[in-house]
């Protein structure tokens, strides 16, 4: 007959109790270790995602800079290129680099040539490229300039402009520029950080949204 107050039974109960306590402690330790490991791996995944997005942005940005530089070299070598040659060069760079539009404004007469084969001039349209902010900024900087993101007055899209001055014999000949829609960047690059429970975004030092999957949140 089982006797609860027997020494062996007491020892058995104590042993069972200790085993239960040990199992609970081991499970608690395993839980927190697993939690820490999960947090660590999630953090590493987030870091890797940020690195990938950053590298992708560098590739995008460098491709745009290289494209603008190619127009600079073209005009330097062909300062007297005819209208069709200019249009062909601009449209080629637009398509190859993914710009929305590429344009070239001349210092001598203020004419603007666009990749969509439109010419704007002070005489015909009252438009003078030399008075535009993108032209003056590139001229003042004396090198390639990348604008801060801004909303286009034409369609409201958030845009970056890449502009660069062109010199011939140390004299300003023209300024070339290209506009790039940041919504395209968001779709192509920020997708790297998208999952069911996360997304990637780019913010400036003041917390303003520069790139986001939701275009309504940009700026």
C-alpha atoms as a PDB file:
ATOM      1  CA  UNK A   1       0.000   0.000   0.000  1.00  0.00           C
ATOM      2  CA  UNK A   2       1.307   3.502  -1.015  1.00  0.00           C
ATOM      3  CA  UNK A   3       2.367   5.565   1.964  1.00  0.00           C
ATOM      4  CA  UNK A   4       2.846   9.243   1.243  1.00  0.00           C
ATOM      5  CA  UNK A   5       4.837   9.773   4.415  1.00  0.00           C
ATOM      6  CA  UNK A   6       7.429   7.093   3.671  1.00  0.00           C
ATOM      7  CA  UNK A   7      10.963   8.330   3.072  1.00  0.00           C
ATOM      8  CA  UNK A   8      11.224   6.835  -0.402  1.00  0.00           C
ATOM      9  CA  UNK A   9       7.973   8.418  -1.508  1.00  0.00           C
ATOM     10  CA  UNK A  10       9.038  11.763  -0.138  1.00  0.00           C
ATOM     11  CA  UNK A  11      12.324  11.511  -2.009  1.00  0.00           C
ATOM     12  CA  UNK A  12      10.479  10.547  -5.182  1.00  0.00           C
ATOM     13  CA  UNK A  13       8.167  13.534  -4.893  1.00  0.00           C
ATOM     14  CA  UNK A  14      11.098  15.858  -4.215  1.00  0.00           C
ATOM     15  CA  UNK A  15      12.980  14.410  -7.187  1.00  0.00           C
ATOM     16  CA  UNK A  16       9.938  14.852  -9.443  1.00  0.00           C
ATOM     17  CA  UNK A  17       9.535  18.411  -8.216  1.00  0.00           C
ATOM     18  CA  UNK A  18      13.204  19.187  -8.897  1.00  0.00           C
ATOM     19  CA  UNK A  19      12.956  17.627 -12.341  1.00  0.00           C
ATOM     20  CA  UNK A  20       9.894  19.762 -13.072  1.00  0.00           C
ATOM     21  CA  UNK A  21      11.713  22.890 -11.874  1.00  0.00           C
ATOM     22  CA  UNK A  22      14.744  22.019 -13.986  1.00  0.00           C
ATOM     23  CA  UNK A  23      12.585  21.441 -17.050  1.00  0.00           C
ATOM     24  CA  UNK A  24      10.830  24.764 -16.523  1.00  0.00           C
ATOM     25  CA  UNK A  25      14.134  26.597 -16.098  1.00  0.00           C
ATOM     26  CA  UNK A  26      15.629  24.904 -19.170  1.00  0.00           C
ATOM     27  CA  UNK A  27      12.559  25.763 -21.243  1.00  0.00           C
ATOM     28  CA  UNK A  28      12.633  29.378 -20.061  1.00  0.00           C
ATOM     29  CA  UNK A  29      16.344  29.640 -20.897  1.00  0.00           C
ATOM     30  CA  UNK A  30      15.762  28.059 -24.309  1.00  0.00           C
ATOM     31  CA  UNK A  31      12.884  30.453 -24.942  1.00  0.00           C
ATOM     32  CA  UNK A  32      14.928  33.560 -24.215  1.00  0.00           C
ATOM     33  CA  UNK A  33      17.922  32.228 -26.116  1.00  0.00           C
ATOM     34  CA  UNK A  34      15.658  31.500 -29.076  1.00  0.00           C
ATOM     35  CA  UNK A  35      14.110  34.961 -28.742  1.00  0.00           C
ATOM     36  CA  UNK A  36      17.544  36.601 -28.675  1.00  0.00           C
ATOM     37  CA  UNK A  37      18.683  34.553 -31.666  1.00  0.00           C
ATOM     38  CA  UNK A  38      15.567  35.475 -33.611  1.00  0.00           C
ATOM     39  CA  UNK A  39      16.031  39.158 -32.775  1.00  0.00           C
ATOM     40  CA  UNK A  40      19.680  38.941 -33.774  1.00  0.00           C
ATOM     41  CA  UNK A  41      18.917  37.328 -37.131  1.00  0.00           C
ATOM     42  CA  UNK A  42      16.074  39.753 -37.821  1.00  0.00           C
ATOM     43  CA  UNK A  43      18.407  42.654 -37.100  1.00  0.00           C
ATOM     44  CA  UNK A  44      21.068  41.178 -39.388  1.00  0.00           C
ATOM     45  CA  UNK A  45      18.460  40.746 -42.147  1.00  0.00           C
ATOM     46  CA  UNK A  46      17.415  44.377 -41.717  1.00  0.00           C
ATOM     47  CA  UNK A  47      21.034  45.533 -41.889  1.00  0.00           C
ATOM     48  CA  UNK A  48      21.598  43.468 -45.027  1.00  0.00           C
ATOM     49  CA  UNK A  49      18.433  44.922 -46.557  1.00  0.00           C
ATOM     50  CA  UNK A  50      19.585  48.477 -45.837  1.00  0.00           C
ATOM     51  CA  UNK A  51      22.984  47.683 -47.322  1.00  0.00           C
ATOM     52  CA  UNK A  52      21.405  46.225 -50.469  1.00  0.00           C
ATOM     53  CA  UNK A  53      19.079  49.212 -50.914  1.00  0.00           C
ATOM     54  CA  UNK A  54      21.985  51.608 -50.421  1.00  0.00           C
ATOM     55  CA  UNK A  55      24.146  49.768 -52.958  1.00  0.00           C
ATOM     56  CA  UNK A  56      21.279  49.655 -55.433  1.00  0.00           C
ATOM     57  CA  UNK A  57      20.802  53.404 -55.047  1.00  0.00           C
ATOM     58  CA  UNK A  58      24.525  53.950 -55.704  1.00  0.00           C
ATOM     59  CA  UNK A  59      24.272  51.897 -58.891  1.00  0.00           C
ATOM     60  CA  UNK A  60      21.214  53.875 -60.007  1.00  0.00           C
ATOM     61  CA  UNK A  61      22.817  57.209 -59.175  1.00  0.00           C
ATOM     62  CA  UNK A  62      26.132  56.362 -60.828  1.00  0.00           C
ATOM     63  CA  UNK A  63      24.357  55.243 -63.989  1.00  0.00           C
ATOM     64  CA  UNK A  64      22.590  58.617 -64.150  1.00  0.00           C
ATOM     65  CA  UNK A  65      25.847  60.501 -63.578  1.00  0.00           C
ATOM     66  CA  UNK A  66      27.600  58.479 -66.252  1.00  0.00           C
ATOM     67  CA  UNK A  67      24.788  59.149 -68.718  1.00  0.00           C
ATOM     68  CA  UNK A  68      24.943  62.909 -68.150  1.00  0.00           C
ATOM     69  CA  UNK A  69      28.742  62.799 -68.469  1.00  0.00           C
ATOM     70  CA  UNK A  70      28.396  61.108 -71.849  1.00  0.00           C
ATOM     71  CA  UNK A  71      26.299  64.033 -73.149  1.00  0.00           C
ATOM     72  CA  UNK A  72      28.932  66.438 -71.818  1.00  0.00           C
ATOM     73  CA  UNK A  73      31.619  64.610 -73.800  1.00  0.00           C
ATOM     74  CA  UNK A  74      29.438  64.472 -76.910  1.00  0.00           C
ATOM     75  CA  UNK A  75      28.855  68.244 -76.941  1.00  0.00           C
ATOM     76  CA  UNK A  76      32.490  68.965 -76.125  1.00  0.00           C
ATOM     77  CA  UNK A  77      33.523  66.960 -79.194  1.00  0.00           C
ATOM     78  CA  UNK A  78      30.645  68.247 -81.336  1.00  0.00           C
ATOM     79  CA  UNK A  79      30.007  71.879 -80.346  1.00  0.00           C
ATOM     80  CA  UNK A  80      28.406  72.558 -83.729  1.00  0.00           C
ATOM     81  CA  UNK A  81      26.204  69.455 -83.886  1.00  0.00           C
ATOM     82  CA  UNK A  82      23.006  69.934 -85.862  1.00  0.00           C
ATOM     83  CA  UNK A  83      19.521  69.655 -84.409  1.00  0.00           C
ATOM     84  CA  UNK A  84      18.959  66.022 -85.362  1.00  0.00           C
ATOM     85  CA  UNK A  85      22.302  64.944 -83.880  1.00  0.00           C
ATOM     86  CA  UNK A  86      21.426  66.672 -80.611  1.00  0.00           C
ATOM     87  CA  UNK A  87      17.958  65.113 -80.518  1.00  0.00           C
ATOM     88  CA  UNK A  88      19.364  61.655 -81.243  1.00  0.00           C
ATOM     89  CA  UNK A  89      21.976  61.954 -78.486  1.00  0.00           C
ATOM     90  CA  UNK A  90      19.442  63.196 -75.936  1.00  0.00           C
ATOM     91  CA  UNK A  91      16.815  60.562 -76.735  1.00  0.00           C
ATOM     92  CA  UNK A  92      19.410  57.777 -76.653  1.00  0.00           C
ATOM     93  CA  UNK A  93      20.570  58.793 -73.183  1.00  0.00           C
ATOM     94  CA  UNK A  94      16.971  59.172 -71.992  1.00  0.00           C
ATOM     95  CA  UNK A  95      16.116  55.609 -72.980  1.00  0.00           C
ATOM     96  CA  UNK A  96      19.375  53.985 -71.897  1.00  0.00           C
ATOM     97  CA  UNK A  97      19.554  55.666 -68.478  1.00  0.00           C
ATOM     98  CA  UNK A  98      15.831  55.669 -67.682  1.00  0.00           C
ATOM     99  CA  UNK A  99      15.379  59.423 -67.450  1.00  0.00           C
ATOM    100  CA  UNK A 100      11.929  60.930 -67.905  1.00  0.00           C
ATOM    101  CA  UNK A 101      13.421  63.675 -70.045  1.00  0.00           C
ATOM    102  CA  UNK A 102      16.913  64.880 -70.979  1.00  0.00           C
ATOM    103  CA  UNK A 103      17.540  68.461 -72.044  1.00  0.00           C
ATOM    104  CA  UNK A 104      20.351  70.714 -73.252  1.00  0.00           C
ATOM    105  CA  UNK A 105      20.398  74.499 -72.861  1.00  0.00           C
ATOM    106  CA  UNK A 106      22.917  76.707 -74.659  1.00  0.00           C
ATOM    107  CA  UNK A 107      24.685  79.709 -73.176  1.00  0.00           C
ATOM    108  CA  UNK A 108      24.886  81.623 -76.462  1.00  0.00           C
ATOM    109  CA  UNK A 109      21.150  81.908 -77.160  1.00  0.00           C
ATOM    110  CA  UNK A 110      19.229  80.339 -74.275  1.00  0.00           C
ATOM    111  CA  UNK A 111      17.730  77.635 -76.526  1.00  0.00           C
ATOM    112  CA  UNK A 112      16.651  74.408 -74.895  1.00  0.00           C
ATOM    113  CA  UNK A 113      16.650  71.087 -76.762  1.00  0.00           C
ATOM    114  CA  UNK A 114      14.630  68.242 -75.205  1.00  0.00           C
ATOM    115  CA  UNK A 115      14.775  64.490 -75.740  1.00  0.00           C
ATOM    116  CA  UNK A 116      11.120  64.548 -76.857  1.00  0.00           C
ATOM    117  CA  UNK A 117      12.354  66.617 -79.838  1.00  0.00           C
ATOM    118  CA  UNK A 118      10.957  69.915 -78.633  1.00  0.00           C
ATOM    119  CA  UNK A 119      12.928  73.156 -78.860  1.00  0.00           C
ATOM    120  CA  UNK A 120      12.195  76.082 -76.571  1.00  0.00           C
ATOM    121  CA  UNK A 121      13.769  79.461 -77.253  1.00  0.00           C
ATOM    122  CA  UNK A 122      13.446  83.059 -76.036  1.00  0.00           C
ATOM    123  CA  UNK A 123      12.351  84.154 -79.504  1.00  0.00           C
ATOM    124  CA  UNK A 124       9.650  81.570 -80.124  1.00  0.00           C
ATOM    125  CA  UNK A 125       8.295  80.644 -76.696  1.00  0.00           C
ATOM    126  CA  UNK A 126       9.777  83.196 -74.325  1.00  0.00           C
ATOM    127  CA  UNK A 127      11.629  80.362 -72.579  1.00  0.00           C
ATOM    128  CA  UNK A 128      15.276  81.073 -71.763  1.00  0.00           C
ATOM    129  CA  UNK A 129      17.212  78.114 -70.388  1.00  0.00           C
ATOM    130  CA  UNK A 130      19.801  80.427 -68.870  1.00  0.00           C
ATOM    131  CA  UNK A 131      17.242  81.796 -66.404  1.00  0.00           C
ATOM    132  CA  UNK A 132      16.227  78.413 -65.016  1.00  0.00           C
ATOM    133  CA  UNK A 133      17.409  77.368 -61.547  1.00  0.00           C
ATOM    134  CA  UNK A 134      18.861  74.049 -62.744  1.00  0.00           C
ATOM    135  CA  UNK A 135      20.956  75.897 -65.329  1.00  0.00           C
ATOM    136  CA  UNK A 136      22.200  78.519 -62.910  1.00  0.00           C
ATOM    137  CA  UNK A 137      23.025  75.988 -60.186  1.00  0.00           C
ATOM    138  CA  UNK A 138      25.128  73.833 -62.530  1.00  0.00           C
ATOM    139  CA  UNK A 139      26.794  76.950 -63.940  1.00  0.00           C
ATOM    140  CA  UNK A 140      27.642  78.240 -60.451  1.00  0.00           C
ATOM    141  CA  UNK A 141      28.908  74.856 -59.249  1.00  0.00           C
ATOM    142  CA  UNK A 142      31.036  74.245 -62.316  1.00  0.00           C
ATOM    143  CA  UNK A 143      30.397  70.507 -62.020  1.00  0.00           C
ATOM    144  CA  UNK A 144      27.636  67.915 -62.027  1.00  0.00           C
ATOM    145  CA  UNK A 145      24.867  68.774 -59.573  1.00  0.00           C
ATOM    146  CA  UNK A 146      22.155  66.502 -58.173  1.00  0.00           C
ATOM    147  CA  UNK A 147      19.122  68.404 -56.943  1.00  0.00           C
ATOM    148  CA  UNK A 148      17.136  67.735 -53.810  1.00  0.00           C
ATOM    149  CA  UNK A 149      13.900  65.860 -54.527  1.00  0.00           C
ATOM    150  CA  UNK A 150      11.093  68.155 -55.670  1.00  0.00           C
ATOM    151  CA  UNK A 151       7.593  67.890 -57.093  1.00  0.00           C
ATOM    152  CA  UNK A 152       7.442  68.469 -60.821  1.00  0.00           C
ATOM    153  CA  UNK A 153       5.266  71.386 -61.866  1.00  0.00           C
ATOM    154  CA  UNK A 154       4.191  69.413 -64.939  1.00  0.00           C
ATOM    155  CA  UNK A 155       2.737  66.244 -63.432  1.00  0.00           C
ATOM    156  CA  UNK A 156       3.345  66.459 -59.674  1.00  0.00           C
ATOM    157  CA  UNK A 157       5.754  63.528 -59.660  1.00  0.00           C
ATOM    158  CA  UNK A 158       8.658  63.590 -57.197  1.00  0.00           C
ATOM    159  CA  UNK A 159      11.792  64.122 -59.234  1.00  0.00           C
ATOM    160  CA  UNK A 160      15.572  64.372 -59.051  1.00  0.00           C
ATOM    161  CA  UNK A 161      17.505  66.437 -61.585  1.00  0.00           C
ATOM    162  CA  UNK A 162      21.056  65.651 -62.672  1.00  0.00           C
ATOM    163  CA  UNK A 163      22.662  68.666 -64.365  1.00  0.00           C
ATOM    164  CA  UNK A 164      26.178  69.462 -65.531  1.00  0.00           C
ATOM    165  CA  UNK A 165      27.909  72.383 -67.279  1.00  0.00           C
ATOM    166  CA  UNK A 166      29.719  71.879 -70.587  1.00  0.00           C
ATOM    167  CA  UNK A 167      32.848  73.867 -71.375  1.00  0.00           C
ATOM    168  CA  UNK A 168      34.863  74.459 -74.525  1.00  0.00           C
ATOM    169  CA  UNK A 169      38.258  76.113 -74.125  1.00  0.00           C
ATOM    170  CA  UNK A 170      37.308  76.984 -70.523  1.00  0.00           C
ATOM    171  CA  UNK A 171      34.227  78.856 -71.732  1.00  0.00           C
ATOM    172  CA  UNK A 172      30.715  77.760 -70.784  1.00  0.00           C
ATOM    173  CA  UNK A 173      29.031  76.293 -73.826  1.00  0.00           C
ATOM    174  CA  UNK A 174      25.851  74.736 -72.414  1.00  0.00           C
ATOM    175  CA  UNK A 175      24.242  72.917 -69.514  1.00  0.00           C
ATOM    176  CA  UNK A 176      22.776  69.432 -69.842  1.00  0.00           C
ATOM    177  CA  UNK A 177      20.210  67.945 -67.487  1.00  0.00           C
ATOM    178  CA  UNK A 178      18.099  64.878 -66.920  1.00  0.00           C
ATOM    179  CA  UNK A 179      15.009  64.367 -64.739  1.00  0.00           C
ATOM    180  CA  UNK A 180      14.392  61.092 -62.954  1.00  0.00           C
ATOM    181  CA  UNK A 181      11.108  60.070 -61.339  1.00  0.00           C
ATOM    182  CA  UNK A 182      11.678  58.756 -57.810  1.00  0.00           C
ATOM    183  CA  UNK A 183       8.570  56.578 -57.995  1.00  0.00           C
ATOM    184  CA  UNK A 184      10.479  54.423 -60.463  1.00  0.00           C
ATOM    185  CA  UNK A 185      13.332  54.102 -57.980  1.00  0.00           C
ATOM    186  CA  UNK A 186      10.926  53.143 -55.212  1.00  0.00           C
ATOM    187  CA  UNK A 187       9.378  50.391 -57.314  1.00  0.00           C
ATOM    188  CA  UNK A 188      12.664  48.990 -58.605  1.00  0.00           C
ATOM    189  CA  UNK A 189      14.908  49.282 -55.548  1.00  0.00           C
ATOM    190  CA  UNK A 190      12.810  49.456 -52.387  1.00  0.00           C
ATOM    191  CA  UNK A 191      11.208  46.177 -53.414  1.00  0.00           C
ATOM    192  CA  UNK A 192      14.412  44.599 -52.082  1.00  0.00           C
ATOM    193  CA  UNK A 193      13.249  45.365 -48.568  1.00  0.00           C
ATOM    194  CA  UNK A 194       9.603  44.443 -48.947  1.00  0.00           C
ATOM    195  CA  UNK A 195       8.073  41.493 -47.119  1.00  0.00           C
ATOM    196  CA  UNK A 196       4.774  40.665 -45.425  1.00  0.00           C
ATOM    197  CA  UNK A 197       5.932  42.388 -42.238  1.00  0.00           C
ATOM    198  CA  UNK A 198       8.413  45.027 -43.400  1.00  0.00           C
ATOM    199  CA  UNK A 199       9.262  47.639 -45.985  1.00  0.00           C
ATOM    200  CA  UNK A 200      12.234  49.844 -46.824  1.00  0.00           C
ATOM    201  CA  UNK A 201      12.207  53.612 -46.994  1.00  0.00           C
ATOM    202  CA  UNK A 202      14.775  56.378 -47.333  1.00  0.00           C
ATOM    203  CA  UNK A 203      14.682  59.482 -45.151  1.00  0.00           C
ATOM    204  CA  UNK A 204      16.868  62.571 -45.021  1.00  0.00           C
ATOM    205  CA  UNK A 205      18.527  63.862 -41.841  1.00  0.00           C
ATOM    206  CA  UNK A 206      15.398  65.835 -40.949  1.00  0.00           C
ATOM    207  CA  UNK A 207      13.135  62.802 -41.252  1.00  0.00           C
ATOM    208  CA  UNK A 208      11.580  63.816 -44.568  1.00  0.00           C
ATOM    209  CA  UNK A 209      10.576  60.810 -46.681  1.00  0.00           C
ATOM    210  CA  UNK A 210      12.720  60.706 -49.836  1.00  0.00           C
ATOM    211  CA  UNK A 211      11.818  57.258 -51.165  1.00  0.00           C
ATOM    212  CA  UNK A 212       8.815  55.166 -50.191  1.00  0.00           C
ATOM    213  CA  UNK A 213       6.717  52.391 -51.699  1.00  0.00           C
ATOM    214  CA  UNK A 214       3.662  54.605 -51.182  1.00  0.00           C
ATOM    215  CA  UNK A 215       4.249  57.584 -53.481  1.00  0.00           C
ATOM    216  CA  UNK A 216       1.768  59.656 -51.467  1.00  0.00           C
ATOM    217  CA  UNK A 217       4.177  59.610 -48.501  1.00  0.00           C
ATOM    218  CA  UNK A 218       7.179  60.917 -50.443  1.00  0.00           C
ATOM    219  CA  UNK A 219       8.169  64.410 -49.218  1.00  0.00           C
END
